[in-house]
Amino acid sequence: MDIMDIRRKHALPSAEDALPGREFAMPVTHNHTVLGTPVIGPFAKTLETAQFGLGCFWGAERVFWKVSGVYTTAVGYAAGYTPNPTYQEVCTGQTGHNEVVLVVFNPTLVSYADLLRVFWESHDPTQGMRQGNDWGTQYRSGIYTYSDAQAQAAQVSREEYDHRLKAAGYSGITTEIQAATEFYYAEEYHQQYLDKNPAGYCGIGGTGVACGIGTGVTA
């Protein structure tokens, strides 16, 4: 890999420089292999949606499908420019996307604060454009919100956890918090990958620093 490839994977492209993509979405047809629920909506109005990026989406998805009160999960690409990108395109760093997990949950059983706690404690949010041995813009830490209430809760949790991490000797949090834009489903073989491949790679790991919000779930 030459120096230009390395720079591209560490810096987000502009909308003008992003790959063109395509008109048609990735075909994803099966139900969730663990939960048995649909992974594509529309979902019941009693359910809510969250979206998180915390490194390789294989391990990230498994973290959330284990949470009681989560109705379904799916992996995909978000916070970028290229419409309907492929995994290979995202890996170039030229789509602007992050690898994310879509979490559809029942708020009467698990709160958004609970999900934020799982998010913060499941990765190291201080590493910038990488997570462990996975490096590049697609592995950045991110929270993508669906309401003003989610955005406010995410920001409050970020500030609280930043204080805790710094007290433990970590540098400042690099997590981006943005309004959710279009979520593009990843290829079907990526969906519930670690259920289909139990010995598969998982780069997800936390700092060991507890987050002080959300106490109602077992991950």
N, C-alpha and C. Protein backbone atom coordinates (compact mmCIF):
# COMPACT_ATOMS: atom_id res chain seq x y z
N MET A 1 0.85 -1.19 0.00
CA MET A 1 0.00 0.00 0.00
C MET A 1 0.88 1.24 0.00
N ASP A 2 0.64 2.19 -0.94
CA ASP A 2 1.48 3.37 -1.00
C ASP A 2 0.97 4.44 -0.05
N ILE A 3 1.77 5.54 0.06
CA ILE A 3 1.46 6.57 1.04
C ILE A 3 0.12 7.24 0.76
N MET A 4 -0.26 7.35 -0.53
CA MET A 4 -1.55 7.96 -0.86
C MET A 4 -2.71 7.10 -0.40
N ASP A 5 -2.58 5.76 -0.51
CA ASP A 5 -3.63 4.87 -0.01
C ASP A 5 -3.79 5.02 1.49
N ILE A 6 -2.66 5.13 2.20
CA ILE A 6 -2.70 5.27 3.66
C ILE A 6 -3.40 6.58 4.03
N ARG A 7 -3.07 7.66 3.34
CA ARG A 7 -3.70 8.95 3.63
C ARG A 7 -5.20 8.91 3.36
N ARG A 8 -5.60 8.25 2.26
CA ARG A 8 -7.01 8.18 1.93
C ARG A 8 -7.80 7.44 3.00
N LYS A 9 -7.20 6.41 3.59
CA LYS A 9 -7.91 5.63 4.59
C LYS A 9 -7.98 6.32 5.94
N HIS A 10 -7.22 7.41 6.12
CA HIS A 10 -7.24 8.13 7.38
C HIS A 10 -7.95 9.47 7.29
N ALA A 11 -8.39 9.86 6.10
CA ALA A 11 -9.05 11.15 5.94
C ALA A 11 -10.33 10.96 5.13
N LEU A 12 -11.40 11.58 5.59
CA LEU A 12 -12.67 11.46 4.88
C LEU A 12 -12.63 12.22 3.56
N PRO A 13 -13.20 11.64 2.50
CA PRO A 13 -13.23 12.35 1.22
C PRO A 13 -14.30 13.44 1.23
N SER A 14 -14.21 14.34 0.28
CA SER A 14 -15.29 15.31 0.09
C SER A 14 -16.40 14.64 -0.71
N ALA A 15 -17.57 15.23 -0.72
CA ALA A 15 -18.68 14.69 -1.50
C ALA A 15 -18.31 14.63 -2.98
N GLU A 16 -17.55 15.62 -3.44
CA GLU A 16 -17.16 15.68 -4.85
C GLU A 16 -16.18 14.57 -5.23
N ASP A 17 -15.36 14.15 -4.27
CA ASP A 17 -14.32 13.14 -4.55
C ASP A 17 -14.79 11.71 -4.28
N ALA A 18 -15.97 11.54 -3.67
CA ALA A 18 -16.44 10.21 -3.31
C ALA A 18 -16.79 9.39 -4.55
N LEU A 19 -16.75 8.07 -4.40
CA LEU A 19 -17.10 7.17 -5.50
C LEU A 19 -18.58 7.34 -5.86
N PRO A 20 -18.94 7.08 -7.12
CA PRO A 20 -20.30 7.38 -7.58
C PRO A 20 -21.38 6.44 -7.07
N GLY A 21 -21.04 5.18 -6.77
CA GLY A 21 -22.04 4.25 -6.27
C GLY A 21 -23.00 3.79 -7.34
N ARG A 22 -24.23 3.47 -6.91
CA ARG A 22 -25.19 2.89 -7.84
C ARG A 22 -26.62 3.16 -7.36
N GLU A 23 -27.57 2.89 -8.20
CA GLU A 23 -28.96 3.21 -7.91
C GLU A 23 -29.63 2.17 -7.03
N PHE A 24 -29.20 0.91 -7.15
CA PHE A 24 -29.95 -0.17 -6.52
C PHE A 24 -29.32 -0.59 -5.19
N ALA A 25 -30.20 -0.91 -4.22
CA ALA A 25 -29.76 -1.32 -2.89
C ALA A 25 -29.26 -2.75 -2.89
N MET A 26 -28.46 -3.07 -1.89
CA MET A 26 -27.96 -4.42 -1.70
C MET A 26 -29.13 -5.35 -1.34
N PRO A 27 -29.27 -6.50 -2.00
CA PRO A 27 -30.38 -7.39 -1.65
C PRO A 27 -30.12 -8.12 -0.33
N VAL A 28 -30.99 -7.90 0.63
CA VAL A 28 -30.95 -8.60 1.92
C VAL A 28 -32.35 -9.15 2.15
N THR A 29 -32.48 -10.46 2.19
CA THR A 29 -33.81 -11.06 2.15
C THR A 29 -34.18 -11.87 3.39
N HIS A 30 -33.20 -12.30 4.18
CA HIS A 30 -33.51 -13.24 5.26
C HIS A 30 -33.89 -12.51 6.54
N ASN A 31 -34.53 -13.24 7.46
CA ASN A 31 -34.75 -12.74 8.81
C ASN A 31 -33.47 -12.87 9.63
N HIS A 32 -33.45 -12.21 10.77
CA HIS A 32 -32.30 -12.25 11.67
C HIS A 32 -32.02 -13.69 12.08
N THR A 33 -30.79 -14.14 11.91
CA THR A 33 -30.49 -15.56 12.15
C THR A 33 -30.48 -15.91 13.63
N VAL A 34 -30.39 -14.93 14.52
CA VAL A 34 -30.42 -15.18 15.96
C VAL A 34 -31.80 -14.87 16.54
N LEU A 35 -32.33 -13.70 16.22
CA LEU A 35 -33.57 -13.23 16.82
C LEU A 35 -34.82 -13.68 16.06
N GLY A 36 -34.64 -14.06 14.81
CA GLY A 36 -35.77 -14.53 14.00
C GLY A 36 -36.68 -13.42 13.51
N THR A 37 -36.31 -12.18 13.70
CA THR A 37 -37.13 -11.03 13.33
C THR A 37 -36.68 -10.46 11.98
N PRO A 38 -37.53 -9.69 11.31
CA PRO A 38 -37.12 -9.05 10.06
C PRO A 38 -35.97 -8.06 10.31
N VAL A 39 -35.06 -7.97 9.36
CA VAL A 39 -33.97 -7.01 9.49
C VAL A 39 -34.25 -5.76 8.65
N ILE A 40 -35.27 -5.81 7.82
CA ILE A 40 -35.66 -4.66 7.00
C ILE A 40 -37.09 -4.26 7.37
N GLY A 41 -37.32 -2.96 7.55
CA GLY A 41 -38.62 -2.44 7.91
C GLY A 41 -39.58 -2.44 6.73
N PRO A 42 -40.76 -1.85 6.95
CA PRO A 42 -41.07 -0.98 8.09
C PRO A 42 -41.28 -1.75 9.39
N PHE A 43 -40.89 -1.12 10.49
CA PHE A 43 -41.03 -1.72 11.80
C PHE A 43 -42.22 -1.09 12.53
N ALA A 44 -42.71 -1.78 13.54
CA ALA A 44 -43.85 -1.29 14.31
C ALA A 44 -43.56 0.08 14.90
N LYS A 45 -44.59 0.91 15.00
CA LYS A 45 -44.42 2.25 15.52
C LYS A 45 -44.04 2.26 17.00
N THR A 46 -44.23 1.15 17.67
CA THR A 46 -43.87 1.06 19.08
C THR A 46 -42.37 0.85 19.27
N LEU A 47 -41.66 0.57 18.19
CA LEU A 47 -40.22 0.35 18.25
C LEU A 47 -39.47 1.63 17.88
N GLU A 48 -38.24 1.74 18.37
CA GLU A 48 -37.37 2.86 18.03
C GLU A 48 -36.09 2.34 17.40
N THR A 49 -35.36 3.24 16.76
CA THR A 49 -34.17 2.87 16.01
C THR A 49 -32.97 3.66 16.51
N ALA A 50 -31.83 3.00 16.57
CA ALA A 50 -30.56 3.63 16.92
C ALA A 50 -29.50 3.15 15.93
N GLN A 51 -28.40 3.86 15.88
CA GLN A 51 -27.35 3.50 14.94
C GLN A 51 -25.99 3.86 15.55
N PHE A 52 -25.07 2.89 15.53
CA PHE A 52 -23.77 3.08 16.16
C PHE A 52 -22.64 2.54 15.28
N GLY A 53 -21.51 3.23 15.32
CA GLY A 53 -20.29 2.74 14.71
C GLY A 53 -19.23 2.57 15.78
N LEU A 54 -18.69 1.38 15.93
CA LEU A 54 -17.70 1.12 16.99
C LEU A 54 -16.65 0.10 16.54
N GLY A 55 -16.20 0.25 15.31
CA GLY A 55 -15.22 -0.68 14.79
C GLY A 55 -15.85 -1.67 13.83
N CYS A 56 -15.20 -2.80 13.61
CA CYS A 56 -15.70 -3.81 12.69
C CYS A 56 -17.14 -4.18 13.03
N PHE A 57 -18.03 -4.08 12.05
CA PHE A 57 -19.45 -4.26 12.36
C PHE A 57 -19.84 -5.70 12.66
N TRP A 58 -19.00 -6.67 12.38
CA TRP A 58 -19.32 -8.05 12.75
C TRP A 58 -19.48 -8.17 14.26
N GLY A 59 -18.47 -7.73 15.00
CA GLY A 59 -18.52 -7.81 16.45
C GLY A 59 -19.50 -6.82 17.06
N ALA A 60 -19.61 -5.65 16.44
CA ALA A 60 -20.53 -4.64 16.96
C ALA A 60 -21.96 -5.16 16.93
N GLU A 61 -22.33 -5.82 15.85
CA GLU A 61 -23.70 -6.33 15.77
C GLU A 61 -23.96 -7.37 16.86
N ARG A 62 -23.01 -8.26 17.09
CA ARG A 62 -23.21 -9.30 18.12
C ARG A 62 -23.40 -8.68 19.50
N VAL A 63 -22.67 -7.63 19.80
CA VAL A 63 -22.83 -6.96 21.09
C VAL A 63 -24.28 -6.56 21.31
N PHE A 64 -24.92 -6.00 20.27
CA PHE A 64 -26.27 -5.46 20.44
C PHE A 64 -27.37 -6.51 20.30
N TRP A 65 -27.16 -7.55 19.51
CA TRP A 65 -28.25 -8.54 19.43
C TRP A 65 -28.39 -9.33 20.73
N LYS A 66 -27.38 -9.25 21.61
CA LYS A 66 -27.45 -9.93 22.90
C LYS A 66 -28.22 -9.12 23.95
N VAL A 67 -28.54 -7.88 23.63
CA VAL A 67 -29.19 -7.01 24.62
C VAL A 67 -30.69 -7.31 24.68
N SER A 68 -31.17 -7.62 25.86
CA SER A 68 -32.60 -7.86 26.06
C SER A 68 -33.39 -6.60 25.72
N GLY A 69 -34.44 -6.75 24.91
CA GLY A 69 -35.23 -5.62 24.50
C GLY A 69 -34.92 -5.14 23.09
N VAL A 70 -33.83 -5.64 22.52
CA VAL A 70 -33.51 -5.33 21.12
C VAL A 70 -34.34 -6.25 20.23
N TYR A 71 -35.06 -5.66 19.29
CA TYR A 71 -35.94 -6.42 18.40
C TYR A 71 -35.18 -7.01 17.23
N THR A 72 -34.30 -6.23 16.62
CA THR A 72 -33.50 -6.74 15.52
C THR A 72 -32.27 -5.87 15.34
N THR A 73 -31.28 -6.40 14.63
CA THR A 73 -30.08 -5.65 14.28
C THR A 73 -29.71 -5.95 12.84
N ALA A 74 -28.95 -5.04 12.26
CA ALA A 74 -28.41 -5.26 10.92
C ALA A 74 -27.14 -4.44 10.78
N VAL A 75 -26.25 -4.86 9.89
CA VAL A 75 -25.02 -4.11 9.66
C VAL A 75 -25.09 -3.42 8.30
N GLY A 76 -24.41 -2.29 8.23
CA GLY A 76 -24.43 -1.55 6.98
C GLY A 76 -23.47 -0.38 7.01
N TYR A 77 -23.71 0.54 6.11
CA TYR A 77 -22.81 1.67 5.88
C TYR A 77 -23.60 2.96 6.05
N ALA A 78 -23.02 3.94 6.75
CA ALA A 78 -23.72 5.19 7.00
C ALA A 78 -22.71 6.32 7.15
N ALA A 79 -23.23 7.55 7.16
CA ALA A 79 -22.44 8.76 7.39
C ALA A 79 -21.43 9.01 6.27
N GLY A 80 -21.78 8.58 5.06
CA GLY A 80 -20.91 8.81 3.92
C GLY A 80 -21.65 9.43 2.77
N TYR A 81 -21.08 9.33 1.57
CA TYR A 81 -21.63 10.00 0.40
C TYR A 81 -22.09 9.05 -0.70
N THR A 82 -21.40 7.95 -0.91
CA THR A 82 -21.66 7.07 -2.04
C THR A 82 -22.96 6.31 -1.86
N PRO A 83 -23.91 6.41 -2.78
CA PRO A 83 -25.17 5.66 -2.64
C PRO A 83 -24.96 4.16 -2.89
N ASN A 84 -25.54 3.35 -2.01
CA ASN A 84 -25.50 1.89 -2.13
C ASN A 84 -24.09 1.36 -2.38
N PRO A 85 -23.15 1.68 -1.47
CA PRO A 85 -21.77 1.23 -1.68
C PRO A 85 -21.62 -0.26 -1.45
N THR A 86 -20.58 -0.83 -2.03
CA THR A 86 -20.19 -2.20 -1.73
C THR A 86 -19.15 -2.18 -0.61
N TYR A 87 -18.94 -3.34 -0.02
CA TYR A 87 -17.92 -3.45 1.03
C TYR A 87 -16.55 -3.07 0.47
N GLN A 88 -16.24 -3.54 -0.73
CA GLN A 88 -14.94 -3.24 -1.34
C GLN A 88 -14.77 -1.74 -1.53
N GLU A 89 -15.83 -1.04 -1.89
CA GLU A 89 -15.74 0.41 -2.06
C GLU A 89 -15.53 1.11 -0.73
N VAL A 90 -16.25 0.69 0.29
CA VAL A 90 -16.10 1.29 1.61
C VAL A 90 -14.66 1.12 2.11
N CYS A 91 -14.07 -0.03 1.84
CA CYS A 91 -12.72 -0.32 2.30
C CYS A 91 -11.66 0.58 1.66
N THR A 92 -11.97 1.19 0.52
CA THR A 92 -11.01 2.10 -0.10
C THR A 92 -10.89 3.41 0.66
N GLY A 93 -11.87 3.73 1.50
CA GLY A 93 -11.90 5.02 2.17
C GLY A 93 -12.46 6.12 1.31
N GLN A 94 -12.97 5.78 0.13
CA GLN A 94 -13.43 6.81 -0.81
C GLN A 94 -14.95 6.91 -0.92
N THR A 95 -15.66 6.37 0.03
CA THR A 95 -17.12 6.56 0.08
C THR A 95 -17.52 7.46 1.25
N GLY A 96 -16.65 7.60 2.23
CA GLY A 96 -16.94 8.39 3.42
C GLY A 96 -17.73 7.65 4.48
N HIS A 97 -18.11 6.40 4.20
CA HIS A 97 -18.98 5.68 5.13
C HIS A 97 -18.24 5.08 6.33
N ASN A 98 -19.02 4.86 7.35
CA ASN A 98 -18.59 4.13 8.53
C ASN A 98 -19.30 2.78 8.54
N GLU A 99 -18.65 1.76 9.07
CA GLU A 99 -19.31 0.48 9.32
C GLU A 99 -20.16 0.64 10.57
N VAL A 100 -21.47 0.43 10.44
CA VAL A 100 -22.36 0.69 11.58
C VAL A 100 -23.31 -0.49 11.79
N VAL A 101 -23.89 -0.49 12.98
CA VAL A 101 -24.94 -1.46 13.29
C VAL A 101 -26.24 -0.68 13.53
N LEU A 102 -27.29 -1.12 12.86
CA LEU A 102 -28.63 -0.58 13.05
C LEU A 102 -29.29 -1.39 14.15
N VAL A 103 -29.82 -0.71 15.16
CA VAL A 103 -30.43 -1.37 16.31
C VAL A 103 -31.88 -0.92 16.42
N VAL A 104 -32.80 -1.86 16.28
CA VAL A 104 -34.23 -1.57 16.45
C VAL A 104 -34.63 -2.16 17.80
N PHE A 105 -35.21 -1.33 18.67
CA PHE A 105 -35.42 -1.77 20.05
C PHE A 105 -36.78 -1.34 20.58
N ASN A 106 -37.20 -2.05 21.61
CA ASN A 106 -38.46 -1.76 22.30
C ASN A 106 -38.14 -0.87 23.50
N PRO A 107 -38.51 0.41 23.46
CA PRO A 107 -38.11 1.32 24.54
C PRO A 107 -38.79 1.04 25.87
N THR A 108 -39.79 0.18 25.89
CA THR A 108 -40.39 -0.20 27.17
C THR A 108 -39.58 -1.29 27.85
N LEU A 109 -38.66 -1.90 27.11
CA LEU A 109 -37.84 -2.99 27.65
C LEU A 109 -36.38 -2.59 27.82
N VAL A 110 -35.89 -1.69 26.98
CA VAL A 110 -34.50 -1.23 27.07
C VAL A 110 -34.49 0.22 26.62
N SER A 111 -33.82 1.07 27.38
CA SER A 111 -33.80 2.49 27.07
C SER A 111 -32.66 2.83 26.12
N TYR A 112 -32.76 3.99 25.49
CA TYR A 112 -31.66 4.47 24.65
C TYR A 112 -30.41 4.69 25.49
N ALA A 113 -30.57 5.13 26.73
CA ALA A 113 -29.42 5.29 27.62
C ALA A 113 -28.72 3.96 27.86
N ASP A 114 -29.49 2.89 27.97
CA ASP A 114 -28.90 1.56 28.12
C ASP A 114 -28.04 1.21 26.90
N LEU A 115 -28.56 1.51 25.73
CA LEU A 115 -27.81 1.22 24.50
C LEU A 115 -26.54 2.06 24.43
N LEU A 116 -26.62 3.31 24.87
CA LEU A 116 -25.43 4.15 24.89
C LEU A 116 -24.36 3.56 25.82
N ARG A 117 -24.80 3.04 26.95
CA ARG A 117 -23.83 2.42 27.86
C ARG A 117 -23.14 1.24 27.19
N VAL A 118 -23.92 0.40 26.51
CA VAL A 118 -23.34 -0.74 25.80
C VAL A 118 -22.35 -0.25 24.74
N PHE A 119 -22.73 0.78 24.01
CA PHE A 119 -21.85 1.36 22.99
C PHE A 119 -20.53 1.80 23.59
N TRP A 120 -20.57 2.64 24.61
CA TRP A 120 -19.33 3.18 25.17
C TRP A 120 -18.44 2.09 25.77
N GLU A 121 -19.03 1.12 26.44
CA GLU A 121 -18.23 0.11 27.14
C GLU A 121 -17.72 -0.99 26.22
N SER A 122 -18.15 -1.01 24.95
CA SER A 122 -17.79 -2.10 24.04
C SER A 122 -16.65 -1.76 23.09
N HIS A 123 -16.09 -0.54 23.18
CA HIS A 123 -14.97 -0.19 22.31
C HIS A 123 -14.16 0.92 22.97
N ASP A 124 -13.07 1.30 22.32
CA ASP A 124 -12.25 2.41 22.78
C ASP A 124 -12.55 3.62 21.90
N PRO A 125 -13.29 4.60 22.41
CA PRO A 125 -13.73 5.72 21.58
C PRO A 125 -12.70 6.84 21.47
N THR A 126 -11.44 6.56 21.79
CA THR A 126 -10.41 7.61 21.77
C THR A 126 -9.43 7.43 20.61
N GLN A 127 -9.67 6.48 19.71
CA GLN A 127 -8.64 6.08 18.75
C GLN A 127 -8.73 6.74 17.38
N GLY A 128 -9.68 7.62 17.17
CA GLY A 128 -9.75 8.30 15.88
C GLY A 128 -10.21 7.37 14.78
N MET A 129 -9.47 7.36 13.67
CA MET A 129 -9.87 6.59 12.50
C MET A 129 -9.37 5.14 12.57
N ARG A 130 -9.62 4.50 13.68
CA ARG A 130 -9.25 3.10 13.84
C ARG A 130 -9.96 2.53 15.06
N GLN A 131 -9.89 1.21 15.17
CA GLN A 131 -10.34 0.51 16.36
C GLN A 131 -9.49 -0.74 16.49
N GLY A 132 -8.56 -0.71 17.45
CA GLY A 132 -7.63 -1.82 17.60
C GLY A 132 -6.76 -1.97 16.37
N ASN A 133 -6.73 -3.18 15.83
CA ASN A 133 -5.93 -3.45 14.64
C ASN A 133 -6.62 -3.07 13.34
N ASP A 134 -7.86 -2.65 13.42
CA ASP A 134 -8.61 -2.21 12.24
C ASP A 134 -8.44 -0.70 12.09
N TRP A 135 -7.91 -0.27 10.97
CA TRP A 135 -7.68 1.16 10.81
C TRP A 135 -8.28 1.65 9.50
N GLY A 136 -8.69 2.90 9.52
CA GLY A 136 -9.33 3.51 8.37
C GLY A 136 -10.59 4.22 8.79
N THR A 137 -11.12 5.09 7.93
CA THR A 137 -12.28 5.90 8.27
C THR A 137 -13.53 5.08 8.56
N GLN A 138 -13.61 3.86 8.01
CA GLN A 138 -14.79 3.03 8.21
C GLN A 138 -14.87 2.45 9.62
N TYR A 139 -13.81 2.61 10.41
CA TYR A 139 -13.78 2.06 11.77
C TYR A 139 -13.86 3.14 12.83
N ARG A 140 -14.26 4.36 12.46
CA ARG A 140 -14.33 5.45 13.43
C ARG A 140 -15.52 5.25 14.37
N SER A 141 -15.40 5.83 15.54
CA SER A 141 -16.46 5.76 16.54
C SER A 141 -17.53 6.80 16.20
N GLY A 142 -18.78 6.37 16.18
CA GLY A 142 -19.83 7.30 15.83
C GLY A 142 -21.19 6.93 16.40
N ILE A 143 -21.98 7.93 16.72
CA ILE A 143 -23.37 7.77 17.13
C ILE A 143 -24.21 8.59 16.15
N TYR A 144 -25.18 7.93 15.53
CA TYR A 144 -25.99 8.58 14.50
C TYR A 144 -27.44 8.57 14.98
N THR A 145 -27.98 9.76 15.22
CA THR A 145 -29.20 9.89 16.00
C THR A 145 -30.43 10.12 15.13
N TYR A 146 -31.59 9.69 15.66
CA TYR A 146 -32.86 9.77 14.95
C TYR A 146 -33.83 10.79 15.55
N SER A 147 -33.41 11.52 16.56
CA SER A 147 -34.28 12.53 17.17
C SER A 147 -33.43 13.50 17.97
N ASP A 148 -34.04 14.64 18.30
CA ASP A 148 -33.34 15.59 19.17
C ASP A 148 -33.05 14.98 20.53
N ALA A 149 -33.98 14.17 21.01
CA ALA A 149 -33.78 13.54 22.32
C ALA A 149 -32.58 12.60 22.30
N GLN A 150 -32.45 11.81 21.23
CA GLN A 150 -31.27 10.94 21.10
C GLN A 150 -29.99 11.75 21.03
N ALA A 151 -30.01 12.84 20.26
CA ALA A 151 -28.82 13.66 20.11
C ALA A 151 -28.39 14.25 21.44
N GLN A 152 -29.35 14.72 22.22
CA GLN A 152 -29.03 15.30 23.52
C GLN A 152 -28.49 14.23 24.47
N ALA A 153 -29.13 13.06 24.49
CA ALA A 153 -28.67 11.98 25.35
C ALA A 153 -27.27 11.53 24.96
N ALA A 154 -27.00 11.44 23.65
CA ALA A 154 -25.68 11.02 23.19
C ALA A 154 -24.61 12.02 23.61
N GLN A 155 -24.91 13.31 23.48
CA GLN A 155 -23.94 14.33 23.85
C GLN A 155 -23.65 14.31 25.35
N VAL A 156 -24.71 14.20 26.16
CA VAL A 156 -24.51 14.13 27.61
C VAL A 156 -23.67 12.92 27.98
N SER A 157 -23.96 11.77 27.38
CA SER A 157 -23.20 10.56 27.69
C SER A 157 -21.74 10.70 27.24
N ARG A 158 -21.52 11.35 26.11
CA ARG A 158 -20.15 11.56 25.62
C ARG A 158 -19.34 12.37 26.62
N GLU A 159 -19.92 13.44 27.13
CA GLU A 159 -19.22 14.29 28.09
C GLU A 159 -18.93 13.54 29.38
N GLU A 160 -19.93 12.77 29.83
CA GLU A 160 -19.75 12.01 31.08
C GLU A 160 -18.65 10.96 30.92
N TYR A 161 -18.68 10.23 29.80
CA TYR A 161 -17.70 9.16 29.63
C TYR A 161 -16.31 9.73 29.34
N ASP A 162 -16.25 10.88 28.70
CA ASP A 162 -14.97 11.53 28.45
C ASP A 162 -14.26 11.83 29.77
N HIS A 163 -15.00 12.32 30.75
CA HIS A 163 -14.41 12.60 32.07
C HIS A 163 -13.88 11.31 32.69
N ARG A 164 -14.64 10.25 32.60
CA ARG A 164 -14.22 8.98 33.20
C ARG A 164 -12.97 8.41 32.52
N LEU A 165 -12.94 8.50 31.19
CA LEU A 165 -11.78 7.99 30.47
C LEU A 165 -10.52 8.79 30.78
N LYS A 166 -10.64 10.10 30.83
CA LYS A 166 -9.47 10.93 31.13
C LYS A 166 -8.98 10.67 32.55
N ALA A 167 -9.90 10.43 33.47
CA ALA A 167 -9.50 10.10 34.84
C ALA A 167 -8.75 8.78 34.90
N ALA A 168 -9.03 7.90 33.92
CA ALA A 168 -8.36 6.60 33.87
C ALA A 168 -7.09 6.65 33.02
N GLY A 169 -6.73 7.82 32.51
CA GLY A 169 -5.49 7.96 31.76
C GLY A 169 -5.62 7.91 30.25
N TYR A 170 -6.83 7.86 29.75
CA TYR A 170 -7.04 7.85 28.30
C TYR A 170 -7.07 9.28 27.76
N SER A 171 -6.84 9.40 26.46
CA SER A 171 -6.97 10.70 25.81
C SER A 171 -8.45 11.00 25.56
N GLY A 172 -8.73 12.15 24.97
CA GLY A 172 -10.11 12.57 24.77
C GLY A 172 -10.85 11.72 23.76
N ILE A 173 -12.16 11.67 23.89
CA ILE A 173 -13.03 10.91 22.99
C ILE A 173 -13.04 11.56 21.60
N THR A 174 -13.00 10.72 20.56
CA THR A 174 -13.05 11.20 19.18
C THR A 174 -14.38 10.86 18.50
N THR A 175 -15.30 10.32 19.23
CA THR A 175 -16.59 9.89 18.68
C THR A 175 -17.35 11.04 18.03
N GLU A 176 -17.83 10.81 16.79
CA GLU A 176 -18.67 11.81 16.15
C GLU A 176 -20.13 11.53 16.48
N ILE A 177 -20.90 12.59 16.68
CA ILE A 177 -22.34 12.50 16.92
C ILE A 177 -23.02 13.31 15.83
N GLN A 178 -23.82 12.64 15.01
CA GLN A 178 -24.47 13.29 13.87
C GLN A 178 -25.88 12.76 13.73
N ALA A 179 -26.72 13.55 13.10
CA ALA A 179 -28.04 13.06 12.74
C ALA A 179 -27.90 11.93 11.73
N ALA A 180 -28.66 10.88 11.91
CA ALA A 180 -28.59 9.72 11.01
C ALA A 180 -29.05 10.13 9.61
N THR A 181 -28.27 9.73 8.62
CA THR A 181 -28.68 9.88 7.23
C THR A 181 -29.07 8.50 6.73
N GLU A 182 -29.07 8.29 5.44
CA GLU A 182 -29.53 7.00 4.92
C GLU A 182 -28.60 5.86 5.35
N PHE A 183 -29.22 4.78 5.78
CA PHE A 183 -28.50 3.56 6.15
C PHE A 183 -28.54 2.61 4.96
N TYR A 184 -27.36 2.19 4.51
CA TYR A 184 -27.27 1.25 3.39
C TYR A 184 -26.91 -0.13 3.94
N TYR A 185 -27.77 -1.11 3.73
CA TYR A 185 -27.51 -2.46 4.22
C TYR A 185 -26.26 -3.02 3.56
N ALA A 186 -25.43 -3.67 4.37
CA ALA A 186 -24.26 -4.37 3.84
C ALA A 186 -24.70 -5.67 3.17
N GLU A 187 -23.81 -6.26 2.44
CA GLU A 187 -24.07 -7.50 1.74
C GLU A 187 -24.58 -8.57 2.72
N GLU A 188 -25.39 -9.47 2.20
CA GLU A 188 -26.06 -10.44 3.07
C GLU A 188 -25.09 -11.29 3.88
N TYR A 189 -23.93 -11.59 3.33
CA TYR A 189 -23.00 -12.45 4.08
C TYR A 189 -22.44 -11.75 5.31
N HIS A 190 -22.52 -10.42 5.36
CA HIS A 190 -22.07 -9.68 6.55
C HIS A 190 -23.11 -9.70 7.66
N GLN A 191 -24.37 -9.91 7.32
CA GLN A 191 -25.44 -9.86 8.32
C GLN A 191 -25.31 -11.03 9.30
N GLN A 192 -25.27 -10.71 10.61
CA GLN A 192 -25.11 -11.72 11.68
C GLN A 192 -23.92 -12.65 11.38
N TYR A 193 -22.85 -12.04 10.94
CA TYR A 193 -21.68 -12.81 10.49
C TYR A 193 -21.15 -13.74 11.58
N LEU A 194 -21.09 -13.26 12.81
CA LEU A 194 -20.50 -14.09 13.87
C LEU A 194 -21.45 -15.16 14.39
N ASP A 195 -22.70 -15.11 14.01
CA ASP A 195 -23.59 -16.25 14.25
C ASP A 195 -23.34 -17.32 13.20
N LYS A 196 -23.16 -16.91 11.96
CA LYS A 196 -22.89 -17.85 10.87
C LYS A 196 -21.47 -18.41 10.95
N ASN A 197 -20.55 -17.63 11.54
CA ASN A 197 -19.13 -18.01 11.64
C ASN A 197 -18.66 -17.77 13.06
N PRO A 198 -19.02 -18.65 13.99
CA PRO A 198 -18.75 -18.41 15.42
C PRO A 198 -17.28 -18.20 15.75
N ALA A 199 -16.38 -18.75 14.95
CA ALA A 199 -14.95 -18.58 15.20
C ALA A 199 -14.37 -17.43 14.39
N GLY A 200 -15.23 -16.62 13.78
CA GLY A 200 -14.78 -15.53 12.94
C GLY A 200 -14.14 -14.40 13.71
N TYR A 201 -13.50 -13.51 12.96
CA TYR A 201 -12.77 -12.39 13.55
C TYR A 201 -13.71 -11.42 14.26
N CYS A 202 -13.31 -10.98 15.45
CA CYS A 202 -14.03 -9.93 16.17
C CYS A 202 -13.01 -9.00 16.79
N GLY A 203 -12.99 -7.74 16.35
CA GLY A 203 -12.03 -6.77 16.87
C GLY A 203 -12.60 -5.88 17.94
N ILE A 204 -13.79 -6.20 18.45
CA ILE A 204 -14.46 -5.35 19.43
C ILE A 204 -13.91 -5.63 20.83
N GLY A 205 -13.58 -4.56 21.53
CA GLY A 205 -13.10 -4.69 22.90
C GLY A 205 -13.14 -3.34 23.60
N GLY A 206 -13.56 -3.30 24.83
CA GLY A 206 -13.70 -2.03 25.54
C GLY A 206 -12.44 -1.63 26.28
N THR A 207 -12.54 -0.51 27.00
CA THR A 207 -11.42 0.01 27.77
C THR A 207 -11.39 -0.54 29.19
N GLY A 208 -12.51 -1.11 29.62
CA GLY A 208 -12.61 -1.53 31.01
C GLY A 208 -13.09 -0.43 31.94
N VAL A 209 -13.35 0.76 31.37
CA VAL A 209 -13.86 1.88 32.16
C VAL A 209 -15.38 1.87 32.09
N ALA A 210 -16.03 1.84 33.23
CA ALA A 210 -17.50 1.78 33.27
C ALA A 210 -18.10 3.11 32.90
N CYS A 211 -19.23 3.04 32.20
CA CYS A 211 -20.00 4.23 31.87
C CYS A 211 -21.09 4.42 32.92
N GLY A 212 -21.32 5.65 33.34
CA GLY A 212 -22.23 5.90 34.45
C GLY A 212 -23.69 6.06 34.09
N ILE A 213 -24.06 5.72 32.85
CA ILE A 213 -25.48 5.83 32.47
C ILE A 213 -25.98 4.48 32.04
N GLY A 214 -27.30 4.30 32.08
CA GLY A 214 -27.90 3.08 31.58
C GLY A 214 -27.55 1.87 32.44
N THR A 215 -28.51 1.37 33.16
CA THR A 215 -28.22 0.25 34.07
C THR A 215 -29.20 -0.90 33.92
N GLY A 216 -30.05 -0.85 32.90
CA GLY A 216 -31.15 -1.79 32.85
C GLY A 216 -30.99 -2.96 31.91
N VAL A 217 -29.78 -3.20 31.33
CA VAL A 217 -29.64 -4.28 30.37
C VAL A 217 -28.45 -5.16 30.74
N THR A 218 -28.50 -6.36 30.19
CA THR A 218 -27.36 -7.27 30.30
C THR A 218 -26.87 -7.56 28.89
N ALA A 219 -25.66 -7.15 28.57
CA ALA A 219 -25.13 -7.32 27.22
C ALA A 219 -24.40 -8.63 27.08
